[in-house]
C-alpha atoms as a PDB file:
ATOM      1  CA  MET A   1      57.376  92.561  73.984  1.00  0.00           C
ATOM      2  CA  ASN A   2      56.620  88.933  73.145  1.00  0.00           C
ATOM      3  CA  ARG A   3      59.898  87.255  74.030  1.00  0.00           C
ATOM      4  CA  THR A   4      58.626  83.771  73.136  1.00  0.00           C
ATOM      5  CA  LYS A   5      59.281  84.558  69.476  1.00  0.00           C
ATOM      6  CA  TYR A   6      62.985  84.158  70.267  1.00  0.00           C
ATOM      7  CA  MET A   7      62.390  80.641  71.605  1.00  0.00           C
ATOM      8  CA  GLN A   8      62.396  78.463  68.511  1.00  0.00           C
ATOM      9  CA  PHE A   9      60.677  75.088  68.399  1.00  0.00           C
ATOM     10  CA  GLN A  10      62.693  72.523  66.523  1.00  0.00           C
ATOM     11  CA  PRO A  11      60.730  69.387  65.577  1.00  0.00           C
ATOM     12  CA  SER A  12      62.829  66.304  65.229  1.00  0.00           C
ATOM     13  CA  GLU A  13      62.468  62.555  64.970  1.00  0.00           C
ATOM     14  CA  LYS A  14      65.961  61.166  64.530  1.00  0.00           C
ATOM     15  CA  ASN A  15      67.443  63.342  67.290  1.00  0.00           C
ATOM     16  CA  THR A  16      64.936  62.158  69.924  1.00  0.00           C
ATOM     17  CA  THR A  17      65.852  58.469  69.799  1.00  0.00           C
ATOM     18  CA  ASP A  18      67.833  58.493  73.039  1.00  0.00           C
ATOM     19  CA  ILE A  19      65.668  61.049  74.880  1.00  0.00           C
ATOM     20  CA  LYS A  20      63.933  59.549  77.927  1.00  0.00           C
ATOM     21  CA  ILE A  21      60.938  61.885  78.338  1.00  0.00           C
ATOM     22  CA  GLU A  22      57.488  60.803  77.184  1.00  0.00           C
ATOM     23  CA  ASN A  23      55.909  62.044  73.917  1.00  0.00           C
ATOM     24  CA  CYS A  24      59.068  63.852  72.871  1.00  0.00           C
ATOM     25  CA  ILE A  25      58.411  65.810  69.668  1.00  0.00           C
ATOM     26  CA  GLY A  26      61.477  68.040  69.502  1.00  0.00           C
ATOM     27  CA  PHE A  27      63.408  70.751  71.276  1.00  0.00           C
ATOM     28  CA  THR A  28      62.954  74.372  72.291  1.00  0.00           C
ATOM     29  CA  ARG A  29      65.909  76.626  71.578  1.00  0.00           C
ATOM     30  CA  VAL A  30      66.553  79.332  74.147  1.00  0.00           C
ATOM     31  CA  PRO A  31      68.942  82.264  73.488  1.00  0.00           C
ATOM     32  CA  LEU A  32      72.310  81.653  75.113  1.00  0.00           C
ATOM     33  CA  GLY A  33      74.619  84.391  76.351  1.00  0.00           C
ATOM     34  CA  LEU A  34      78.168  83.996  77.631  1.00  0.00           C
ATOM     35  CA  VAL A  35      79.545  85.851  80.645  1.00  0.00           C
ATOM     36  CA  GLY A  36      83.063  85.835  82.016  1.00  0.00           C
ATOM     37  CA  PRO A  37      85.860  85.311  82.568  1.00  0.00           C
ATOM     38  CA  LEU A  38      85.473  85.136  86.338  1.00  0.00           C
ATOM     39  CA  THR A  39      88.301  83.915  88.566  1.00  0.00           C
ATOM     40  CA  ILE A  40      87.136  81.666  91.403  1.00  0.00           C
ATOM     41  CA  TYR A  41      89.397  81.054  94.382  1.00  0.00           C
ATOM     42  CA  GLY A  42      89.059  78.122  96.777  1.00  0.00           C
ATOM     43  CA  GLU A  43      90.603  74.675  96.878  1.00  0.00           C
ATOM     44  CA  SER A  44      91.973  75.517  93.465  1.00  0.00           C
ATOM     45  CA  LYS A  45      92.107  78.755  91.488  1.00  0.00           C
ATOM     46  CA  ARG A  46      90.391  78.685  88.126  1.00  0.00           C
ATOM     47  CA  THR A  47      89.048  81.171  85.610  1.00  0.00           C
ATOM     48  CA  VAL A  48      85.759  80.272  83.955  1.00  0.00           C
ATOM     49  CA  TYR A  49      83.026  81.499  81.627  1.00  0.00           C
ATOM     50  CA  ALA A  50      79.347  80.752  82.229  1.00  0.00           C
ATOM     51  CA  PRO A  51      76.528  80.203  79.707  1.00  0.00           C
ATOM     52  CA  LEU A  52      73.210  81.883  80.621  1.00  0.00           C
ATOM     53  CA  ALA A  53      70.091  80.639  78.819  1.00  0.00           C
ATOM     54  CA  THR A  54      67.387  83.313  79.015  1.00  0.00           C
ATOM     55  CA  VAL A  55      65.023  85.419  76.918  1.00  0.00           C
ATOM     56  CA  GLU A  56      65.197  88.348  79.355  1.00  0.00           C
ATOM     57  CA  PRO A  57      67.363  91.341  78.461  1.00  0.00           C
ATOM     58  CA  THR A  58      69.855  92.683  81.086  1.00  0.00           C
ATOM     59  CA  PRO A  59      70.870  89.552  83.121  1.00  0.00           C
ATOM     60  CA  VAL A  60      73.827  88.807  80.824  1.00  0.00           C
ATOM     61  CA  ALA A  61      74.922  92.446  80.764  1.00  0.00           C
ATOM     62  CA  SER A  62      74.394  92.875  84.494  1.00  0.00           C
ATOM     63  CA  CYS A  63      76.225  89.668  85.391  1.00  0.00           C
ATOM     64  CA  SER A  64      79.096  90.688  83.105  1.00  0.00           C
ATOM     65  CA  ARG A  65      79.390  94.037  84.854  1.00  0.00           C
ATOM     66  CA  GLY A  66      79.340  92.311  88.229  1.00  0.00           C
ATOM     67  CA  TYR A  67      82.201  89.945  87.455  1.00  0.00           C
ATOM     68  CA  LYS A  68      84.272  92.838  86.150  1.00  0.00           C
ATOM     69  CA  ALA A  69      83.950  94.434  89.558  1.00  0.00           C
ATOM     70  CA  PHE A  70      84.981  91.258  91.364  1.00  0.00           C
ATOM     71  CA  GLN A  71      87.522  89.716  89.096  1.00  0.00           C
ATOM     72  CA  GLU A  72      77.912  69.070 100.556  1.00  0.00           C
ATOM     73  CA  ARG A  73      74.951  68.223 102.248  1.00  0.00           C
ATOM     74  CA  GLY A  74      73.175  65.432 100.344  1.00  0.00           C
ATOM     75  CA  LEU A  75      69.770  64.769  98.808  1.00  0.00           C
ATOM     76  CA  SER A  76      66.708  63.573 100.651  1.00  0.00           C
ATOM     77  CA  ARG A  77      63.273  62.043 100.274  1.00  0.00           C
ATOM     78  CA  ALA A  78      60.613  61.962 102.992  1.00  0.00           C
ATOM     79  CA  PRO A  79      58.040  59.134 102.733  1.00  0.00           C
ATOM     80  CA  VAL A  80      55.108  58.999 105.147  1.00  0.00           C
ATOM     81  CA  PHE A  81      53.833  55.980 107.081  1.00  0.00           C
ATOM     82  CA  ILE A  82      50.208  56.072 108.249  1.00  0.00           C
ATOM     83  CA  PHE A  83      49.126  54.119 111.358  1.00  0.00           C
ATOM     84  CA  ARG A  84      45.925  52.918 113.013  1.00  0.00           C
ATOM     85  CA  THR A  85      46.490  54.946 116.168  1.00  0.00           C
ATOM     86  CA  VAL A  86      48.792  57.616 117.565  1.00  0.00           C
ATOM     87  CA  ASN A  87      50.230  54.977 119.926  1.00  0.00           C
ATOM     88  CA  ASP A  88      51.212  52.845 116.906  1.00  0.00           C
ATOM     89  CA  ALA A  89      52.844  55.889 115.320  1.00  0.00           C
ATOM     90  CA  LEU A  90      54.798  56.579 118.516  1.00  0.00           C
ATOM     91  CA  GLN A  91      55.987  52.965 118.676  1.00  0.00           C
ATOM     92  CA  PHE A  92      57.339  53.237 115.116  1.00  0.00           C
ATOM     93  CA  TYR A  93      58.866  56.668 115.819  1.00  0.00           C
ATOM     94  CA  TYR A  94      60.924  55.377 118.758  1.00  0.00           C
ATOM     95  CA  ARG A  95      61.915  52.231 116.885  1.00  0.00           C
ATOM     96  CA  MET A  96      63.220  54.060 113.798  1.00  0.00           C
ATOM     97  CA  PRO A  97      66.943  54.265 114.844  1.00  0.00           C
ATOM     98  CA  THR A  98      67.138  50.468 114.988  1.00  0.00           C
ATOM     99  CA  LEU A  99      65.708  50.104 111.474  1.00  0.00           C
ATOM    100  CA  LYS A 100      68.393  52.017 109.590  1.00  0.00           C
ATOM    101  CA  PRO A 101      70.534  48.910 108.831  1.00  0.00           C
ATOM    102  CA  LEU A 102      67.516  47.366 107.076  1.00  0.00           C
ATOM    103  CA  PHE A 103      67.011  50.480 104.970  1.00  0.00           C
ATOM    104  CA  ASP A 104      70.758  50.603 104.225  1.00  0.00           C
ATOM    105  CA  ALA A 105      70.801  47.078 102.849  1.00  0.00           C
ATOM    106  CA  SER A 106      67.908  47.722 100.470  1.00  0.00           C
ATOM    107  CA  SER A 107      68.791  51.197  99.240  1.00  0.00           C
ATOM    108  CA  ASP A 108      72.411  50.246  98.501  1.00  0.00           C
ATOM    109  CA  LYS A 109      71.188  47.753  95.896  1.00  0.00           C
ATOM    110  CA  THR A 110      69.554  50.420  93.741  1.00  0.00           C
ATOM    111  CA  SER A 111      72.453  52.764  92.946  1.00  0.00           C
ATOM    112  CA  ARG A 112      76.230  52.941  92.851  1.00  0.00           C
ATOM    113  CA  TYR A 113      76.005  56.603  93.863  1.00  0.00           C
ATOM    114  CA  ALA A 114      73.375  56.885  96.573  1.00  0.00           C
ATOM    115  CA  ARG A 115      74.382  55.960 100.123  1.00  0.00           C
ATOM    116  CA  LEU A 116      71.928  56.372 102.977  1.00  0.00           C
ATOM    117  CA  ILE A 117      73.534  58.346 105.797  1.00  0.00           C
ATOM    118  CA  GLU A 118      70.611  59.251 108.028  1.00  0.00           C
ATOM    119  CA  VAL A 119      66.937  58.529 108.717  1.00  0.00           C
ATOM    120  CA  THR A 120      65.047  61.071 110.814  1.00  0.00           C
ATOM    121  CA  PRO A 121      61.408  60.487 111.863  1.00  0.00           C
ATOM    122  CA  HIS A 122      58.887  63.290 112.438  1.00  0.00           C
ATOM    123  CA  ILE A 123      55.518  62.393 113.973  1.00  0.00           C
ATOM    124  CA  ILE A 124      52.315  64.257 113.110  1.00  0.00           C
ATOM    125  CA  GLY A 125      49.176  62.678 114.549  1.00  0.00           C
ATOM    126  CA  ARG A 126      48.830  59.122 113.210  1.00  0.00           C
ATOM    127  CA  THR A 127      51.527  59.674 110.595  1.00  0.00           C
ATOM    128  CA  VAL A 128      55.307  59.437 110.732  1.00  0.00           C
ATOM    129  CA  HIS A 129      57.276  61.296 108.080  1.00  0.00           C
ATOM    130  CA  VAL A 130      60.753  59.799 107.732  1.00  0.00           C
ATOM    131  CA  LYS A 131      63.449  61.899 106.064  1.00  0.00           C
ATOM    132  CA  PHE A 132      65.952  59.671 104.252  1.00  0.00           C
ATOM    133  CA  ARG A 133      69.188  61.595 103.634  1.00  0.00           C
ATOM    134  CA  TYR A 134      71.752  60.348 101.114  1.00  0.00           C
ATOM    135  CA  THR A 135      75.133  61.224  99.724  1.00  0.00           C
ATOM    136  CA  CYS A 136      75.060  60.928  95.943  1.00  0.00           C
ATOM    137  CA  GLY A 137      78.585  61.643  94.753  1.00  0.00           C
ATOM    138  CA  ASP A 138      78.417  63.839  91.655  1.00  0.00           C
ATOM    139  CA  ALA A 139      74.850  62.828  90.824  1.00  0.00           C
ATOM    140  CA  ALA A 140      72.015  65.277  91.484  1.00  0.00           C
ATOM    141  CA  ARG A 141      69.031  63.374  90.148  1.00  0.00           C
ATOM    142  CA  GLN A 142      66.092  63.084  92.517  1.00  0.00           C
ATOM    143  CA  ASN A 143      65.057  59.821  90.864  1.00  0.00           C
ATOM    144  CA  ILE A 144      68.117  58.179  92.423  1.00  0.00           C
ATOM    145  CA  VAL A 145      66.959  58.869  95.973  1.00  0.00           C
ATOM    146  CA  THR A 146      63.329  58.232  95.038  1.00  0.00           C
ATOM    147  CA  ILE A 147      64.092  54.750  93.751  1.00  0.00           C
ATOM    148  CA  ALA A 148      66.407  53.966  96.681  1.00  0.00           C
ATOM    149  CA  THR A 149      63.880  55.141  99.270  1.00  0.00           C
ATOM    150  CA  HIS A 150      60.963  53.348  97.647  1.00  0.00           C
ATOM    151  CA  ARG A 151      62.905  50.090  97.492  1.00  0.00           C
ATOM    152  CA  ALA A 152      63.979  50.419 101.135  1.00  0.00           C
ATOM    153  CA  CYS A 153      60.440  51.119 102.319  1.00  0.00           C
ATOM    154  CA  GLN A 154      58.853  48.373 100.230  1.00  0.00           C
ATOM    155  CA  ASP A 155      61.371  45.805 101.460  1.00  0.00           C
ATOM    156  CA  PHE A 156      60.702  46.949 105.025  1.00  0.00           C
ATOM    157  CA  LEU A 157      56.920  46.669 104.605  1.00  0.00           C
ATOM    158  CA  LYS A 158      57.340  43.096 103.359  1.00  0.00           C
ATOM    159  CA  SER A 159      59.684  42.137 106.212  1.00  0.00           C
ATOM    160  CA  ILE A 160      58.917  40.639 109.589  1.00  0.00           C
ATOM    161  CA  SER A 161      60.127  43.849 111.229  1.00  0.00           C
ATOM    162  CA  SER A 162      57.063  45.748 109.973  1.00  0.00           C
ATOM    163  CA  LYS A 163      54.528  43.286 111.371  1.00  0.00           C
ATOM    164  CA  ASP A 164      52.363  44.300 114.318  1.00  0.00           C
ATOM    165  CA  LEU A 165      53.367  47.979 113.965  1.00  0.00           C
ATOM    166  CA  GLY A 166      49.894  49.048 112.907  1.00  0.00           C
ATOM    167  CA  ILE A 167      50.932  50.426 109.503  1.00  0.00           C
ATOM    168  CA  VAL A 168      47.836  50.949 107.350  1.00  0.00           C
ATOM    169  CA  ASP A 169      49.265  52.939 104.449  1.00  0.00           C
ATOM    170  CA  PHE A 170      52.453  54.308 102.907  1.00  0.00           C
ATOM    171  CA  GLN A 171      53.304  57.091 100.427  1.00  0.00           C
ATOM    172  CA  ILE A 172      56.704  57.755  98.890  1.00  0.00           C
ATOM    173  CA  GLU A 173      56.426  61.502  99.557  1.00  0.00           C
ATOM    174  CA  GLY A 174      54.519  63.207 102.346  1.00  0.00           C
ATOM    175  CA  GLN A 175      55.520  66.760 101.319  1.00  0.00           C
ATOM    176  CA  PHE A 176      58.049  66.967 104.158  1.00  0.00           C
ATOM    177  CA  SER A 177      61.235  67.009 102.069  1.00  0.00           C
ATOM    178  CA  SER A 178      60.535  70.434 100.488  1.00  0.00           C
ATOM    179  CA  TYR A 179      61.150  68.838  97.101  1.00  0.00           C
ATOM    180  CA  LYS A 180      60.953  71.557  94.413  1.00  0.00           C
ATOM    181  CA  LYS A 181      59.258  73.940  96.809  1.00  0.00           C
ATOM    182  CA  LEU A 182      60.266  77.224  98.399  1.00  0.00           C
ATOM    183  CA  SER A 183      60.566  76.295 102.071  1.00  0.00           C
ATOM    184  CA  TRP A 184      62.312  77.363 105.255  1.00  0.00           C
ATOM    185  CA  GLY A 185      63.051  73.660 105.664  1.00  0.00           C
ATOM    186  CA  ASN A 186      65.725  74.014 102.975  1.00  0.00           C
ATOM    187  CA  VAL A 187      67.375  76.762 105.007  1.00  0.00           C
ATOM    188  CA  LYS A 188      67.158  75.033 108.377  1.00  0.00           C
ATOM    189  CA  ASP A 189      68.015  71.624 106.931  1.00  0.00           C
ATOM    190  CA  PRO A 190      69.791  72.121 103.555  1.00  0.00           C
ATOM    191  CA  ARG A 191      69.546  69.681 100.656  1.00  0.00           C
ATOM    192  CA  SER A 192      72.279  68.898  98.121  1.00  0.00           C
ATOM    193  CA  ILE A 193      75.106  71.501  98.244  1.00  0.00           C
ATOM    194  CA  GLU A 194      75.431  74.303 100.786  1.00  0.00           C
ATOM    195  CA  VAL A 195      77.643  76.975  99.252  1.00  0.00           C
ATOM    196  CA  MET A 196      78.787  80.553  99.802  1.00  0.00           C
ATOM    197  CA  ALA A 197      80.714  82.975  97.580  1.00  0.00           C
ATOM    198  CA  TRP A 198      82.275  86.276  98.620  1.00  0.00           C
ATOM    199  CA  ASP A 199      84.567  89.024  97.380  1.00  0.00           C
ATOM    200  CA  THR A 200      85.520  92.632  98.087  1.00  0.00           C
ATOM    201  CA  LEU A 201      84.870  95.885  96.253  1.00  0.00           C
ATOM    202  CA  SER A 202      86.887  99.063  96.694  1.00  0.00           C
ATOM    203  CA  SER A 203      85.346 102.524  96.485  1.00  0.00           C
ATOM    204  CA  PRO A 204      87.081 103.332  93.142  1.00  0.00           C
ATOM    205  CA  VAL A 205      85.755 100.115  91.591  1.00  0.00           C
ATOM    206  CA  CYS A 206      82.238 100.865  92.805  1.00  0.00           C
ATOM    207  CA  ARG A 207      82.387 104.361  91.314  1.00  0.00           C
ATOM    208  CA  GLU A 208      84.036 103.482  87.991  1.00  0.00           C
ATOM    209  CA  ILE A 209      82.337 100.169  87.133  1.00  0.00           C
ATOM    210  CA  LEU A 210      79.136 100.003  89.179  1.00  0.00           C
ATOM    211  CA  GLY A 211      78.418 103.715  89.163  1.00  0.00           C
ATOM    212  CA  THR A 212      77.656 103.940  92.864  1.00  0.00           C
ATOM    213  CA  ARG A 213      79.377 104.528  96.169  1.00  0.00           C
ATOM    214  CA  ASN A 214      80.189 101.930  98.782  1.00  0.00           C
ATOM    215  CA  GLY A 215      77.662 101.320 101.497  1.00  0.00           C
ATOM    216  CA  GLN A 216      75.481  98.697 103.072  1.00  0.00           C
ATOM    217  CA  MET A 217      73.661  96.898 100.263  1.00  0.00           C
ATOM    218  CA  GLY A 218      70.417  94.917 100.782  1.00  0.00           C
ATOM    219  CA  GLN A 219      69.553  91.225 100.628  1.00  0.00           C
ATOM    220  CA  ASN A 220      69.149  88.839  97.674  1.00  0.00           C
ATOM    221  CA  ILE A 221      68.117  90.910  94.647  1.00  0.00           C
ATOM    222  CA  ASN A 222      67.684  88.568  91.669  1.00  0.00           C
ATOM    223  CA  THR A 223      69.949  85.546  92.027  1.00  0.00           C
ATOM    224  CA  ALA A 224      67.158  83.378  90.583  1.00  0.00           C
ATOM    225  CA  ASN A 225      67.941  84.920  87.164  1.00  0.00           C
ATOM    226  CA  ALA A 226      71.524  83.652  87.150  1.00  0.00           C
ATOM    227  CA  ILE A 227      70.697  80.301  88.733  1.00  0.00           C
ATOM    228  CA  ALA A 228      67.798  79.520  86.369  1.00  0.00           C
ATOM    229  CA  ALA A 229      69.774  80.619  83.297  1.00  0.00           C
ATOM    230  CA  MET A 230      72.730  78.406  84.257  1.00  0.00           C
ATOM    231  CA  PHE A 231      70.459  75.491  85.177  1.00  0.00           C
ATOM    232  CA  ILE A 232      68.979  75.564  81.659  1.00  0.00           C
ATOM    233  CA  SER A 233      72.304  75.972  79.860  1.00  0.00           C
ATOM    234  CA  CYS A 234      74.092  73.384  82.018  1.00  0.00           C
ATOM    235  CA  GLY A 235      71.448  70.652  81.894  1.00  0.00           C
ATOM    236  CA  GLN A 236      70.233  70.905  85.489  1.00  0.00           C
ATOM    237  CA  ASP A 237      66.684  70.307  86.762  1.00  0.00           C
ATOM    238  CA  VAL A 238      65.077  73.739  86.298  1.00  0.00           C
ATOM    239  CA  ALA A 239      62.113  72.917  88.555  1.00  0.00           C
ATOM    240  CA  SER A 240      64.583  72.818  91.446  1.00  0.00           C
ATOM    241  CA  ILE A 241      64.981  76.592  91.169  1.00  0.00           C
ATOM    242  CA  PHE A 242      62.386  76.903  93.961  1.00  0.00           C
ATOM    243  CA  GLU A 243      64.804  75.271  96.387  1.00  0.00           C
ATOM    244  CA  SER A 244      68.052  76.386  94.818  1.00  0.00           C
ATOM    245  CA  GLY A 245      67.010  79.993  94.280  1.00  0.00           C
ATOM    246  CA  TRP A 246      66.759  80.847  97.981  1.00  0.00           C
ATOM    247  CA  SER A 247      69.833  82.841  98.857  1.00  0.00           C
ATOM    248  CA  HIS A 248      71.015  85.479 101.296  1.00  0.00           C
ATOM    249  CA  LEU A 249      73.156  88.417 100.211  1.00  0.00           C
ATOM    250  CA  THR A 250      75.128  90.273 102.857  1.00  0.00           C
ATOM    251  CA  ALA A 251      77.403  93.290 102.626  1.00  0.00           C
ATOM    252  CA  ASN A 252      79.845  94.644 105.183  1.00  0.00           C
ATOM    253  CA  LEU A 253      81.632  97.959 104.747  1.00  0.00           C
ATOM    254  CA  ASP A 254      84.965  98.560 106.442  1.00  0.00           C
ATOM    255  CA  GLU A 255      84.589 102.192 107.476  1.00  0.00           C
ATOM    256  CA  GLU A 256      88.352 102.628 107.724  1.00  0.00           C
ATOM    257  CA  THR A 257      89.423 101.202 104.347  1.00  0.00           C
ATOM    258  CA  LYS A 258      86.093 101.808 102.563  1.00  0.00           C
ATOM    259  CA  VAL A 259      86.303  98.260 101.168  1.00  0.00           C
ATOM    260  CA  LEU A 260      82.984  96.471 100.805  1.00  0.00           C
ATOM    261  CA  THR A 261      82.838  92.686 101.331  1.00  0.00           C
ATOM    262  CA  MET A 262      79.848  91.010  99.705  1.00  0.00           C
ATOM    263  CA  SER A 263      78.863  87.383 100.271  1.00  0.00           C
ATOM    264  CA  LEU A 264      76.085  85.201  98.906  1.00  0.00           C
ATOM    265  CA  TYR A 265      74.896  82.145 100.823  1.00  0.00           C
ATOM    266  CA  ILE A 266      72.827  79.406  99.141  1.00  0.00           C
ATOM    267  CA  PRO A 267      71.816  76.611 101.539  1.00  0.00           C
ATOM    268  CA  SER A 268      70.334  74.113  99.056  1.00  0.00           C
ATOM    269  CA  LEU A 269      71.800  74.177  95.555  1.00  0.00           C
ATOM    270  CA  LEU A 270      70.707  71.027  93.695  1.00  0.00           C
ATOM    271  CA  VAL A 271      73.259  70.389  90.952  1.00  0.00           C
ATOM    272  CA  GLY A 272      75.203  67.587  89.322  1.00  0.00           C
ATOM    273  CA  THR A 273      78.176  67.457  86.973  1.00  0.00           C
ATOM    274  CA  SER A 274      77.881  69.623  83.879  1.00  0.00           C
ATOM    275  CA  LEU A 275      79.868  71.163  81.011  1.00  0.00           C
ATOM    276  CA  GLU A 276      83.552  70.980  80.134  1.00  0.00           C
ATOM    277  CA  LEU A 277      83.211  74.644  79.067  1.00  0.00           C
ATOM    278  CA  ILE A 278      83.090  75.732  82.717  1.00  0.00           C
ATOM    279  CA  GLY A 279      85.374  73.007  84.071  1.00  0.00           C
ATOM    280  CA  CYS A 280      82.541  71.096  85.743  1.00  0.00           C
ATOM    281  CA  TYR A 281      82.469  67.790  83.873  1.00  0.00           C
ATOM    282  CA  ARG A 282      83.294  64.279  85.131  1.00  0.00           C
ATOM    283  CA  ASP A 283      83.626  62.880  88.655  1.00  0.00           C
ATOM    284  CA  GLY A 284      84.250  65.239  91.532  1.00  0.00           C
ATOM    285  CA  LYS A 285      83.013  68.340  89.684  1.00  0.00           C
ATOM    286  CA  LYS A 286      79.559  68.798  91.221  1.00  0.00           C
ATOM    287  CA  TRP A 287      80.953  71.102  93.897  1.00  0.00           C
ATOM    288  CA  ALA A 288      82.862  73.057  91.259  1.00  0.00           C
ATOM    289  CA  LEU A 289      79.586  73.734  89.439  1.00  0.00           C
ATOM    290  CA  ALA A 290      77.960  74.876  92.687  1.00  0.00           C
ATOM    291  CA  LYS A 291      80.794  77.337  93.298  1.00  0.00           C
ATOM    292  CA  THR A 292      80.632  78.604  89.717  1.00  0.00           C
ATOM    293  CA  ILE A 293      76.872  79.215  89.786  1.00  0.00           C
ATOM    294  CA  THR A 294      77.108  80.968  93.158  1.00  0.00           C
ATOM    295  CA  ALA A 295      79.994  83.175  92.024  1.00  0.00           C
ATOM    296  CA  PHE A 296      78.127  84.381  88.931  1.00  0.00           C
ATOM    297  CA  ALA A 297      74.917  84.837  90.946  1.00  0.00           C
ATOM    298  CA  LEU A 298      76.897  87.059  93.328  1.00  0.00           C
ATOM    299  CA  ALA A 299      78.256  89.026  90.376  1.00  0.00           C
ATOM    300  CA  LEU A 300      74.728  89.558  89.054  1.00  0.00           C
ATOM    301  CA  ASP A 301      73.426  90.723  92.426  1.00  0.00           C
ATOM    302  CA  ALA A 302      76.338  93.117  92.930  1.00  0.00           C
ATOM    303  CA  SER A 303      75.574  94.721  89.589  1.00  0.00           C
ATOM    304  CA  THR A 304      71.796  94.791  90.014  1.00  0.00           C
ATOM    305  CA  VAL A 305      71.842  96.291  93.499  1.00  0.00           C
ATOM    306  CA  SER A 306      74.130  99.003  92.139  1.00  0.00           C
ATOM    307  CA  VAL A 307      71.773 100.074  89.355  1.00  0.00           C
ATOM    308  CA  ILE A 308      68.969 100.198  91.909  1.00  0.00           C
ATOM    309  CA  ALA A 309      71.133 102.361  94.161  1.00  0.00           C
ATOM    310  CA  ASN A 310      72.105 104.811  91.411  1.00  0.00           C
ATOM    311  CA  ASP A 311      68.621 104.796  89.833  1.00  0.00           C
ATOM    312  CA  THR A 312      69.641 103.389  86.445  1.00  0.00           C
ATOM    313  CA  PHE A 313      67.683 100.138  86.814  1.00  0.00           C
ATOM    314  CA  ALA A 314      64.746 101.201  84.638  1.00  0.00           C
ATOM    315  CA  ALA A 315      67.040 102.900  82.115  1.00  0.00           C
ATOM    316  CA  SER A 316      69.153  99.766  81.684  1.00  0.00           C
ATOM    317  CA  HIS A 317      66.054  97.705  80.909  1.00  0.00           C
ATOM    318  CA  GLN A 318      64.818 100.352  78.489  1.00  0.00           C
ATOM    319  CA  ASN A 319      68.164 100.564  76.695  1.00  0.00           C
ATOM    320  CA  LEU A 320      68.737  96.813  76.443  1.00  0.00           C
ATOM    321  CA  ALA A 321      65.151  95.648  75.888  1.00  0.00           C
ATOM    322  CA  ARG A 322      63.794  98.250  73.468  1.00  0.00           C
ATOM    323  CA  GLY A 323      65.599  97.310  70.308  1.00  0.00           C
ATOM    324  CA  LEU A 324      68.815  99.279  70.608  1.00  0.00           C
ATOM    325  CA  PRO A 325      71.804  97.656  68.817  1.00  0.00           C
ATOM    326  CA  ARG A 326      73.348  94.820  70.781  1.00  0.00           C
ATOM    327  CA  ARG A 327      77.027  94.838  71.506  1.00  0.00           C
ATOM    328  CA  LYS A 328      79.640  92.571  73.013  1.00  0.00           C
ATOM    329  CA  LEU A 329      80.398  93.207  76.680  1.00  0.00           C
END
């Protein structure tokens, strides 16, 4: 099936006036499905719906079935400094802790959100990769930390402190920050928001709603579907799905009560404030969006792993993707 026919191109001139991308010629409309309500517990209890933007059949239905069953770290940029010799690189490496106040002073001038909290050098041959870690409030835009880091490094290179260090070149990114890449670095050293969601499922619920019995269920199944769909519908940076989509699903069955506890851990979820529809708009709501996305991703995985377990996975795709009448969930 050619699903792109459902993605409508909408040319526009007057509506692109305030758009910042280059050569903007219009917009692409993606089908939007609504799932919920899902009650999220934590610092405050709230019940929310979530918009999923996708052309793939089954994620909306599967996520809806999952929620029925259930009812900060900071951003970083890692520029690289290149030196004449390894000895010069070592000298810079050991001197780095004393240079943070200089970087602080420069980066603070570029944003009212970004605040430099840590600089960590990593030496590889004649190069030193320096990871600049920031807190960014409710902002999640990589350009904030890019601009702050570039300004800090350029001011440093022009200062007396950089003289006689043997620096021969500089690049704003040395591929050490795992920016928009799938990397174990984002698990070992998370970026943006580190978040986990969990809930319990009783045996009757598993049988009646999920159509399976309780037991040990595998790892992450397809959380990228929920995360990507919510990134699109909530105005997040979709290219960050490589980092944000890494997650770990665990399940623990209490043999005595037969209650299954499922949890989903996402170490690096790159999000900012979003829609009023899901209660994640205005200051202080970035973490609320992270919790919401993780909760619905957990719901989707709980449902998907169940249809794999009871061998209805293929049938569900056939029923929902082959032109049968759509219905509300």
